[in-house]
Amino acid sequence: MYKNFNRHEIFTEEDMKAVRCAIDESMDAPPFNWDLNNMLSGLYDGYLYENLKEMSKSRFSDCELIPLLKTINKIEEHISVNGETETQIF
């Protein structure tokens, strides 16, 4: 299950970096988790997967986790205020 959001409306450069760092870390440190990597990549397309937060908490150190959780919380807040929106794919 997931919720849609418009990444272009809410992501800053800091958010993009947080997602990129988390993806890089998920690929570099074993064991590789395909589901987690897919959920993280989905953030670029405007998909917030239901259990991304929980999976991230069990996978990342605070260094990677804190910026990612900040981005996820920002997405959740945006959805709660504006409802679900869609990211346009160019």
PDB file of N, CA and C in Angstrom:
ATOM      1  N   MET A   1       0.843  -1.164   0.000  1.00  0.00           N
ATOM      2  CA  MET A   1       0.000   0.000   0.000  1.00  0.00           C
ATOM      3  C   MET A   1       0.900   1.242   0.000  1.00  0.00           C
ATOM      4  N   TYR A   2       0.452   2.277  -0.698  1.00  0.00           N
ATOM      5  CA  TYR A   2       1.223   3.512  -0.778  1.00  0.00           C
ATOM      6  C   TYR A   2       0.288   4.700  -0.926  1.00  0.00           C
ATOM      7  N   LYS A   3       0.868   5.882  -0.719  1.00  0.00           N
ATOM      8  CA  LYS A   3       0.158   7.136  -0.955  1.00  0.00           C
ATOM      9  C   LYS A   3       0.940   7.918  -1.993  1.00  0.00           C
ATOM     10  N   ASN A   4       0.220   8.672  -2.800  1.00  0.00           N
ATOM     11  CA  ASN A   4       0.846   9.501  -3.828  1.00  0.00           C
ATOM     12  C   ASN A   4       1.064  10.915  -3.312  1.00  0.00           C
ATOM     13  N   PHE A   5       2.160  11.510  -3.777  1.00  0.00           N
ATOM     14  CA  PHE A   5       2.432  12.916  -3.473  1.00  0.00           C
ATOM     15  C   PHE A   5       3.203  13.521  -4.637  1.00  0.00           C
ATOM     16  N   ASN A   6       3.136  14.837  -4.755  1.00  0.00           N
ATOM     17  CA  ASN A   6       3.834  15.520  -5.831  1.00  0.00           C
ATOM     18  C   ASN A   6       5.229  15.920  -5.352  1.00  0.00           C
ATOM     19  N   ARG A   7       6.211  15.151  -5.740  1.00  0.00           N
ATOM     20  CA  ARG A   7       7.584  15.392  -5.311  1.00  0.00           C
ATOM     21  C   ARG A   7       8.066  16.771  -5.739  1.00  0.00           C
ATOM     22  N   HIS A   8       7.662  17.207  -6.911  1.00  0.00           N
ATOM     23  CA  HIS A   8       8.116  18.513  -7.417  1.00  0.00           C
ATOM     24  C   HIS A   8       7.626  19.665  -6.543  1.00  0.00           C
ATOM     25  N   GLU A   9       6.514  19.487  -5.881  1.00  0.00           N
ATOM     26  CA  GLU A   9       5.969  20.538  -5.021  1.00  0.00           C
ATOM     27  C   GLU A   9       6.715  20.655  -3.697  1.00  0.00           C
ATOM     28  N   ILE A  10       7.195  19.541  -3.167  1.00  0.00           N
ATOM     29  CA  ILE A  10       7.676  19.598  -1.790  1.00  0.00           C
ATOM     30  C   ILE A  10       9.150  19.266  -1.590  1.00  0.00           C
ATOM     31  N   PHE A  11       9.782  18.562  -2.516  1.00  0.00           N
ATOM     32  CA  PHE A  11      11.180  18.176  -2.295  1.00  0.00           C
ATOM     33  C   PHE A  11      12.121  19.352  -2.518  1.00  0.00           C
ATOM     34  N   THR A  12      13.056  19.470  -1.603  1.00  0.00           N
ATOM     35  CA  THR A  12      14.157  20.417  -1.754  1.00  0.00           C
ATOM     36  C   THR A  12      15.399  19.618  -2.155  1.00  0.00           C
ATOM     37  N   GLU A  13      16.471  20.321  -2.389  1.00  0.00           N
ATOM     38  CA  GLU A  13      17.732  19.651  -2.690  1.00  0.00           C
ATOM     39  C   GLU A  13      18.140  18.746  -1.520  1.00  0.00           C
ATOM     40  N   GLU A  14      17.858  19.192  -0.319  1.00  0.00           N
ATOM     41  CA  GLU A  14      18.170  18.404   0.884  1.00  0.00           C
ATOM     42  C   GLU A  14      17.388  17.086   0.908  1.00  0.00           C
ATOM     43  N   ASP A  15      16.123  17.136   0.501  1.00  0.00           N
ATOM     44  CA  ASP A  15      15.305  15.923   0.447  1.00  0.00           C
ATOM     45  C   ASP A  15      15.833  14.955  -0.604  1.00  0.00           C
ATOM     46  N   MET A  16      16.202  15.497  -1.760  1.00  0.00           N
ATOM     47  CA  MET A  16      16.754  14.649  -2.823  1.00  0.00           C
ATOM     48  C   MET A  16      18.032  13.969  -2.343  1.00  0.00           C
ATOM     49  N   LYS A  17      18.860  14.717  -1.642  1.00  0.00           N
ATOM     50  CA  LYS A  17      20.110  14.162  -1.131  1.00  0.00           C
ATOM     51  C   LYS A  17      19.844  13.083  -0.082  1.00  0.00           C
ATOM     52  N   ALA A  18      18.874  13.300   0.792  1.00  0.00           N
ATOM     53  CA  ALA A  18      18.545  12.311   1.826  1.00  0.00           C
ATOM     54  C   ALA A  18      18.111  10.991   1.202  1.00  0.00           C
ATOM     55  N   VAL A  19      17.285  11.074   0.164  1.00  0.00           N
ATOM     56  CA  VAL A  19      16.821   9.860  -0.513  1.00  0.00           C
ATOM     57  C   VAL A  19      17.984   9.182  -1.234  1.00  0.00           C
ATOM     58  N   ARG A  20      18.793   9.968  -1.938  1.00  0.00           N
ATOM     59  CA  ARG A  20      19.938   9.411  -2.663  1.00  0.00           C
ATOM     60  C   ARG A  20      20.919   8.714  -1.715  1.00  0.00           C
ATOM     61  N   CYS A  21      21.199   9.340  -0.593  1.00  0.00           N
ATOM     62  CA  CYS A  21      22.119   8.748   0.386  1.00  0.00           C
ATOM     63  C   CYS A  21      21.564   7.435   0.933  1.00  0.00           C
ATOM     64  N   ALA A  22      20.265   7.414   1.211  1.00  0.00           N
ATOM     65  CA  ALA A  22      19.645   6.192   1.719  1.00  0.00           C
ATOM     66  C   ALA A  22      19.692   5.081   0.670  1.00  0.00           C
ATOM     67  N   ILE A  23      19.431   5.424  -0.587  1.00  0.00           N
ATOM     68  CA  ILE A  23      19.499   4.421  -1.662  1.00  0.00           C
ATOM     69  C   ILE A  23      20.920   3.896  -1.788  1.00  0.00           C
ATOM     70  N   ASP A  24      21.881   4.795  -1.804  1.00  0.00           N
ATOM     71  CA  ASP A  24      23.287   4.372  -1.908  1.00  0.00           C
ATOM     72  C   ASP A  24      23.663   3.447  -0.762  1.00  0.00           C
ATOM     73  N   GLU A  25      23.276   3.817   0.447  1.00  0.00           N
ATOM     74  CA  GLU A  25      23.598   2.994   1.617  1.00  0.00           C
ATOM     75  C   GLU A  25      22.906   1.632   1.541  1.00  0.00           C
ATOM     76  N   SER A  26      21.674   1.620   1.080  1.00  0.00           N
ATOM     77  CA  SER A  26      20.939   0.349   0.993  1.00  0.00           C
ATOM     78  C   SER A  26      21.564  -0.584  -0.033  1.00  0.00           C
ATOM     79  N   MET A  27      22.224  -0.014  -1.027  1.00  0.00           N
ATOM     80  CA  MET A  27      22.863  -0.847  -2.057  1.00  0.00           C
ATOM     81  C   MET A  27      24.269  -1.284  -1.652  1.00  0.00           C
ATOM     82  N   ASP A  28      24.948  -0.458  -0.859  1.00  0.00           N
ATOM     83  CA  ASP A  28      26.345  -0.724  -0.535  1.00  0.00           C
ATOM     84  C   ASP A  28      26.548  -1.660   0.641  1.00  0.00           C
ATOM     85  N   ALA A  29      25.684  -1.597   1.632  1.00  0.00           N
ATOM     86  CA  ALA A  29      25.888  -2.385   2.845  1.00  0.00           C
ATOM     87  C   ALA A  29      25.010  -3.630   2.815  1.00  0.00           C
ATOM     88  N   PRO A  30      25.629  -4.786   2.913  1.00  0.00           N
ATOM     89  CA  PRO A  30      24.827  -6.019   2.903  1.00  0.00           C
ATOM     90  C   PRO A  30      23.995  -6.128   4.177  1.00  0.00           C
ATOM     91  N   PRO A  31      22.928  -6.847   4.189  1.00  0.00           N
ATOM     92  CA  PRO A  31      22.373  -7.550   3.037  1.00  0.00           C
ATOM     93  C   PRO A  31      21.499  -6.616   2.194  1.00  0.00           C
ATOM     94  N   PHE A  32      21.507  -6.815   0.889  1.00  0.00           N
ATOM     95  CA  PHE A  32      20.704  -6.012  -0.021  1.00  0.00           C
ATOM     96  C   PHE A  32      19.234  -6.367   0.179  1.00  0.00           C
ATOM     97  N   ASN A  33      18.400  -5.358   0.296  1.00  0.00           N
ATOM     98  CA  ASN A  33      16.963  -5.556   0.492  1.00  0.00           C
ATOM     99  C   ASN A  33      16.232  -4.911  -0.690  1.00  0.00           C
ATOM    100  N   TRP A  34      15.795  -5.738  -1.611  1.00  0.00           N
ATOM    101  CA  TRP A  34      15.140  -5.256  -2.822  1.00  0.00           C
ATOM    102  C   TRP A  34      13.902  -4.417  -2.496  1.00  0.00           C
ATOM    103  N   ASP A  35      13.089  -4.872  -1.538  1.00  0.00           N
ATOM    104  CA  ASP A  35      11.859  -4.145  -1.198  1.00  0.00           C
ATOM    105  C   ASP A  35      12.164  -2.742  -0.679  1.00  0.00           C
ATOM    106  N   LEU A  36      13.127  -2.638   0.223  1.00  0.00           N
ATOM    107  CA  LEU A  36      13.496  -1.335   0.766  1.00  0.00           C
ATOM    108  C   LEU A  36      14.030  -0.431  -0.335  1.00  0.00           C
ATOM    109  N   ASN A  37      14.887  -0.961  -1.181  1.00  0.00           N
ATOM    110  CA  ASN A  37      15.455  -0.164  -2.263  1.00  0.00           C
ATOM    111  C   ASN A  37      14.363   0.330  -3.208  1.00  0.00           C
ATOM    112  N   ASN A  38      13.400  -0.507  -3.500  1.00  0.00           N
ATOM    113  CA  ASN A  38      12.291  -0.128  -4.371  1.00  0.00           C
ATOM    114  C   ASN A  38      11.444   0.968  -3.721  1.00  0.00           C
ATOM    115  N   MET A  39      11.178   0.841  -2.420  1.00  0.00           N
ATOM    116  CA  MET A  39      10.385   1.852  -1.719  1.00  0.00           C
ATOM    117  C   MET A  39      11.102   3.198  -1.693  1.00  0.00           C
ATOM    118  N   LEU A  40      12.403   3.170  -1.463  1.00  0.00           N
ATOM    119  CA  LEU A  40      13.178   4.413  -1.464  1.00  0.00           C
ATOM    120  C   LEU A  40      13.171   5.052  -2.846  1.00  0.00           C
ATOM    121  N   SER A  41      13.368   4.256  -3.872  1.00  0.00           N
ATOM    122  CA  SER A  41      13.358   4.772  -5.244  1.00  0.00           C
ATOM    123  C   SER A  41      11.994   5.335  -5.606  1.00  0.00           C
ATOM    124  N   GLY A  42      10.937   4.761  -5.053  1.00  0.00           N
ATOM    125  CA  GLY A  42       9.582   5.228  -5.311  1.00  0.00           C
ATOM    126  C   GLY A  42       9.350   6.660  -4.851  1.00  0.00           C
ATOM    127  N   LEU A  43      10.137   7.117  -3.870  1.00  0.00           N
ATOM    128  CA  LEU A  43       9.991   8.506  -3.414  1.00  0.00           C
ATOM    129  C   LEU A  43      10.257   9.487  -4.550  1.00  0.00           C
ATOM    130  N   TYR A  44      11.168   9.147  -5.450  1.00  0.00           N
ATOM    131  CA  TYR A  44      11.450  10.024  -6.589  1.00  0.00           C
ATOM    132  C   TYR A  44      10.236  10.183  -7.511  1.00  0.00           C
ATOM    133  N   ASP A  45       9.399   9.145  -7.551  1.00  0.00           N
ATOM    134  CA  ASP A  45       8.229   9.174  -8.429  1.00  0.00           C
ATOM    135  C   ASP A  45       6.954   9.570  -7.700  1.00  0.00           C
ATOM    136  N   GLY A  46       7.068   9.906  -6.415  1.00  0.00           N
ATOM    137  CA  GLY A  46       5.902  10.368  -5.684  1.00  0.00           C
ATOM    138  C   GLY A  46       5.102   9.275  -5.014  1.00  0.00           C
ATOM    139  N   TYR A  47       5.745   8.175  -4.650  1.00  0.00           N
ATOM    140  CA  TYR A  47       5.077   7.083  -3.942  1.00  0.00           C
ATOM    141  C   TYR A  47       5.671   6.955  -2.548  1.00  0.00           C
ATOM    142  N   LEU A  48       4.837   7.095  -1.538  1.00  0.00           N
ATOM    143  CA  LEU A  48       5.260   6.883  -0.157  1.00  0.00           C
ATOM    144  C   LEU A  48       4.661   5.553   0.293  1.00  0.00           C
ATOM    145  N   TYR A  49       5.510   4.550   0.431  1.00  0.00           N
ATOM    146  CA  TYR A  49       5.054   3.221   0.823  1.00  0.00           C
ATOM    147  C   TYR A  49       4.816   3.164   2.323  1.00  0.00           C
ATOM    148  N   GLU A  50       3.778   2.444   2.681  1.00  0.00           N
ATOM    149  CA  GLU A  50       3.263   2.380   4.045  1.00  0.00           C
ATOM    150  C   GLU A  50       4.312   2.020   5.094  1.00  0.00           C
ATOM    151  N   ASN A  51       5.130   1.041   4.872  1.00  0.00           N
ATOM    152  CA  ASN A  51       6.064   0.600   5.909  1.00  0.00           C
ATOM    153  C   ASN A  51       7.512   1.019   5.650  1.00  0.00           C
ATOM    154  N   LEU A  52       7.690   2.056   4.851  1.00  0.00           N
ATOM    155  CA  LEU A  52       9.047   2.537   4.568  1.00  0.00           C
ATOM    156  C   LEU A  52       9.750   3.020   5.835  1.00  0.00           C
ATOM    157  N   LYS A  53       9.028   3.729   6.669  1.00  0.00           N
ATOM    158  CA  LYS A  53       9.623   4.243   7.904  1.00  0.00           C
ATOM    159  C   LYS A  53      10.152   3.106   8.780  1.00  0.00           C
ATOM    160  N   GLU A  54       9.340   2.090   8.995  1.00  0.00           N
ATOM    161  CA  GLU A  54       9.728   0.976   9.860  1.00  0.00           C
ATOM    162  C   GLU A  54      10.911   0.208   9.272  1.00  0.00           C
ATOM    163  N   MET A  55      10.873  -0.028   7.979  1.00  0.00           N
ATOM    164  CA  MET A  55      11.981  -0.747   7.340  1.00  0.00           C
ATOM    165  C   MET A  55      13.268   0.068   7.414  1.00  0.00           C
ATOM    166  N   SER A  56      13.161   1.368   7.258  1.00  0.00           N
ATOM    167  CA  SER A  56      14.335   2.240   7.309  1.00  0.00           C
ATOM    168  C   SER A  56      14.934   2.272   8.712  1.00  0.00           C
ATOM    169  N   LYS A  57      14.079   2.311   9.722  1.00  0.00           N
ATOM    170  CA  LYS A  57      14.556   2.356  11.107  1.00  0.00           C
ATOM    171  C   LYS A  57      15.372   1.122  11.458  1.00  0.00           C
ATOM    172  N   SER A  58      15.014  -0.015  10.877  1.00  0.00           N
ATOM    173  CA  SER A  58      15.735  -1.246  11.194  1.00  0.00           C
ATOM    174  C   SER A  58      16.983  -1.428  10.326  1.00  0.00           C
ATOM    175  N   ARG A  59      17.153  -0.571   9.333  1.00  0.00           N
ATOM    176  CA  ARG A  59      18.245  -0.761   8.372  1.00  0.00           C
ATOM    177  C   ARG A  59      19.377   0.257   8.489  1.00  0.00           C
ATOM    178  N   PHE A  60      19.049   1.531   8.767  1.00  0.00           N
ATOM    179  CA  PHE A  60      20.022   2.601   8.670  1.00  0.00           C
ATOM    180  C   PHE A  60      20.522   3.082  10.026  1.00  0.00           C
ATOM    181  N   SER A  61      21.741   3.591  10.020  1.00  0.00           N
ATOM    182  CA  SER A  61      22.270   4.264  11.206  1.00  0.00           C
ATOM    183  C   SER A  61      21.617   5.638  11.298  1.00  0.00           C
ATOM    184  N   ASP A  62      21.766   6.295  12.442  1.00  0.00           N
ATOM    185  CA  ASP A  62      21.179   7.622  12.629  1.00  0.00           C
ATOM    186  C   ASP A  62      21.638   8.613  11.573  1.00  0.00           C
ATOM    187  N   CYS A  63      22.865   8.470  11.118  1.00  0.00           N
ATOM    188  CA  CYS A  63      23.427   9.392  10.131  1.00  0.00           C
ATOM    189  C   CYS A  63      22.594   9.421   8.846  1.00  0.00           C
ATOM    190  N   GLU A  64      22.174   8.247   8.384  1.00  0.00           N
ATOM    191  CA  GLU A  64      21.328   8.181   7.182  1.00  0.00           C
ATOM    192  C   GLU A  64      19.853   8.317   7.529  1.00  0.00           C
ATOM    193  N   LEU A  65      19.483   7.812   8.704  1.00  0.00           N
ATOM    194  CA  LEU A  65      18.074   7.732   9.069  1.00  0.00           C
ATOM    195  C   LEU A  65      17.453   9.099   9.353  1.00  0.00           C
ATOM    196  N   ILE A  66      18.122   9.949  10.079  1.00  0.00           N
ATOM    197  CA  ILE A  66      17.530  11.225  10.500  1.00  0.00           C
ATOM    198  C   ILE A  66      17.118  12.095   9.304  1.00  0.00           C
ATOM    199  N   PRO A  67      17.986  12.311   8.307  1.00  0.00           N
ATOM    200  CA  PRO A  67      17.527  13.109   7.150  1.00  0.00           C
ATOM    201  C   PRO A  67      16.385  12.434   6.377  1.00  0.00           C
ATOM    202  N   LEU A  68      16.436  11.105   6.278  1.00  0.00           N
ATOM    203  CA  LEU A  68      15.378  10.388   5.566  1.00  0.00           C
ATOM    204  C   LEU A  68      14.049  10.513   6.309  1.00  0.00           C
ATOM    205  N   LEU A  69      14.058  10.336   7.619  1.00  0.00           N
ATOM    206  CA  LEU A  69      12.820  10.470   8.399  1.00  0.00           C
ATOM    207  C   LEU A  69      12.267  11.886   8.317  1.00  0.00           C
ATOM    208  N   LYS A  70      13.145  12.865   8.280  1.00  0.00           N
ATOM    209  CA  LYS A  70      12.710  14.257   8.126  1.00  0.00           C
ATOM    210  C   LYS A  70      11.947  14.425   6.807  1.00  0.00           C
ATOM    211  N   THR A  71      12.468  13.831   5.741  1.00  0.00           N
ATOM    212  CA  THR A  71      11.804  13.893   4.435  1.00  0.00           C
ATOM    213  C   THR A  71      10.476  13.142   4.459  1.00  0.00           C
ATOM    214  N   ILE A  72      10.466  11.946   5.036  1.00  0.00           N
ATOM    215  CA  ILE A  72       9.229  11.154   5.107  1.00  0.00           C
ATOM    216  C   ILE A  72       8.174  11.900   5.926  1.00  0.00           C
ATOM    217  N   ASN A  73       8.568  12.477   7.046  1.00  0.00           N
ATOM    218  CA  ASN A  73       7.624  13.236   7.875  1.00  0.00           C
ATOM    219  C   ASN A  73       7.062  14.436   7.110  1.00  0.00           C
ATOM    220  N   LYS A  74       7.900  15.075   6.329  1.00  0.00           N
ATOM    221  CA  LYS A  74       7.470  16.209   5.504  1.00  0.00           C
ATOM    222  C   LYS A  74       6.437  15.761   4.468  1.00  0.00           C
ATOM    223  N   ILE A  75       6.675  14.609   3.871  1.00  0.00           N
ATOM    224  CA  ILE A  75       5.719  14.057   2.901  1.00  0.00           C
ATOM    225  C   ILE A  75       4.395  13.743   3.585  1.00  0.00           C
ATOM    226  N   GLU A  76       4.455  13.086   4.739  1.00  0.00           N
ATOM    227  CA  GLU A  76       3.234  12.733   5.470  1.00  0.00           C
ATOM    228  C   GLU A  76       2.442  13.974   5.862  1.00  0.00           C
ATOM    229  N   GLU A  77       3.143  15.008   6.294  1.00  0.00           N
ATOM    230  CA  GLU A  77       2.479  16.260   6.654  1.00  0.00           C
ATOM    231  C   GLU A  77       1.814  16.891   5.433  1.00  0.00           C
ATOM    232  N   HIS A  78       2.515  16.895   4.315  1.00  0.00           N
ATOM    233  CA  HIS A  78       1.963  17.453   3.072  1.00  0.00           C
ATOM    234  C   HIS A  78       0.690  16.702   2.669  1.00  0.00           C
ATOM    235  N   ILE A  79       0.725  15.382   2.763  1.00  0.00           N
ATOM    236  CA  ILE A  79      -0.446  14.574   2.396  1.00  0.00           C
ATOM    237  C   ILE A  79      -1.589  14.840   3.370  1.00  0.00           C
ATOM    238  N   SER A  80      -1.292  14.968   4.650  1.00  0.00           N
ATOM    239  CA  SER A  80      -2.368  15.203   5.624  1.00  0.00           C
ATOM    240  C   SER A  80      -3.040  16.554   5.411  1.00  0.00           C
ATOM    241  N   VAL A  81      -2.284  17.547   4.963  1.00  0.00           N
ATOM    242  CA  VAL A  81      -2.845  18.891   4.738  1.00  0.00           C
ATOM    243  C   VAL A  81      -3.521  18.995   3.372  1.00  0.00           C
ATOM    244  N   ASN A  82      -2.885  18.438   2.337  1.00  0.00           N
ATOM    245  CA  ASN A  82      -3.345  18.629   0.956  1.00  0.00           C
ATOM    246  C   ASN A  82      -4.032  17.426   0.329  1.00  0.00           C
ATOM    247  N   GLY A  83      -4.011  16.293   0.999  1.00  0.00           N
ATOM    248  CA  GLY A  83      -4.498  15.067   0.397  1.00  0.00           C
ATOM    249  C   GLY A  83      -3.448  14.524  -0.568  1.00  0.00           C
ATOM    250  N   GLU A  84      -3.771  13.424  -1.178  1.00  0.00           N
ATOM    251  CA  GLU A  84      -2.827  12.833  -2.128  1.00  0.00           C
ATOM    252  C   GLU A  84      -2.804  13.652  -3.415  1.00  0.00           C
ATOM    253  N   THR A  85      -1.618  13.802  -3.965  1.00  0.00           N
ATOM    254  CA  THR A  85      -1.403  14.491  -5.239  1.00  0.00           C
ATOM    255  C   THR A  85      -0.515  13.590  -6.087  1.00  0.00           C
ATOM    256  N   GLU A  86      -0.234  13.998  -7.302  1.00  0.00           N
ATOM    257  CA  GLU A  86       0.598  13.170  -8.184  1.00  0.00           C
ATOM    258  C   GLU A  86       1.799  13.935  -8.695  1.00  0.00           C
ATOM    259  N   THR A  87       2.900  13.209  -8.847  1.00  0.00           N
ATOM    260  CA  THR A  87       4.100  13.762  -9.450  1.00  0.00           C
ATOM    261  C   THR A  87       3.975  13.589 -10.950  1.00  0.00           C
ATOM    262  N   GLN A  88       4.146  14.676 -11.681  1.00  0.00           N
ATOM    263  CA  GLN A  88       4.151  14.570 -13.137  1.00  0.00           C
ATOM    264  C   GLN A  88       5.484  14.004 -13.583  1.00  0.00           C
ATOM    265  N   ILE A  89       5.419  13.028 -14.436  1.00  0.00           N
ATOM    266  CA  ILE A  89       6.619  12.421 -14.998  1.00  0.00           C
ATOM    267  C   ILE A  89       6.852  13.053 -16.364  1.00  0.00           C
ATOM    268  N   PHE A  90       8.020  13.626 -16.519  1.00  0.00           N
ATOM    269  CA  PHE A  90       8.331  14.340 -17.769  1.00  0.00           C
ATOM    270  C   PHE A  90       9.042  13.433 -18.738  1.00  0.00           C
TER     271      PHE A  90
END
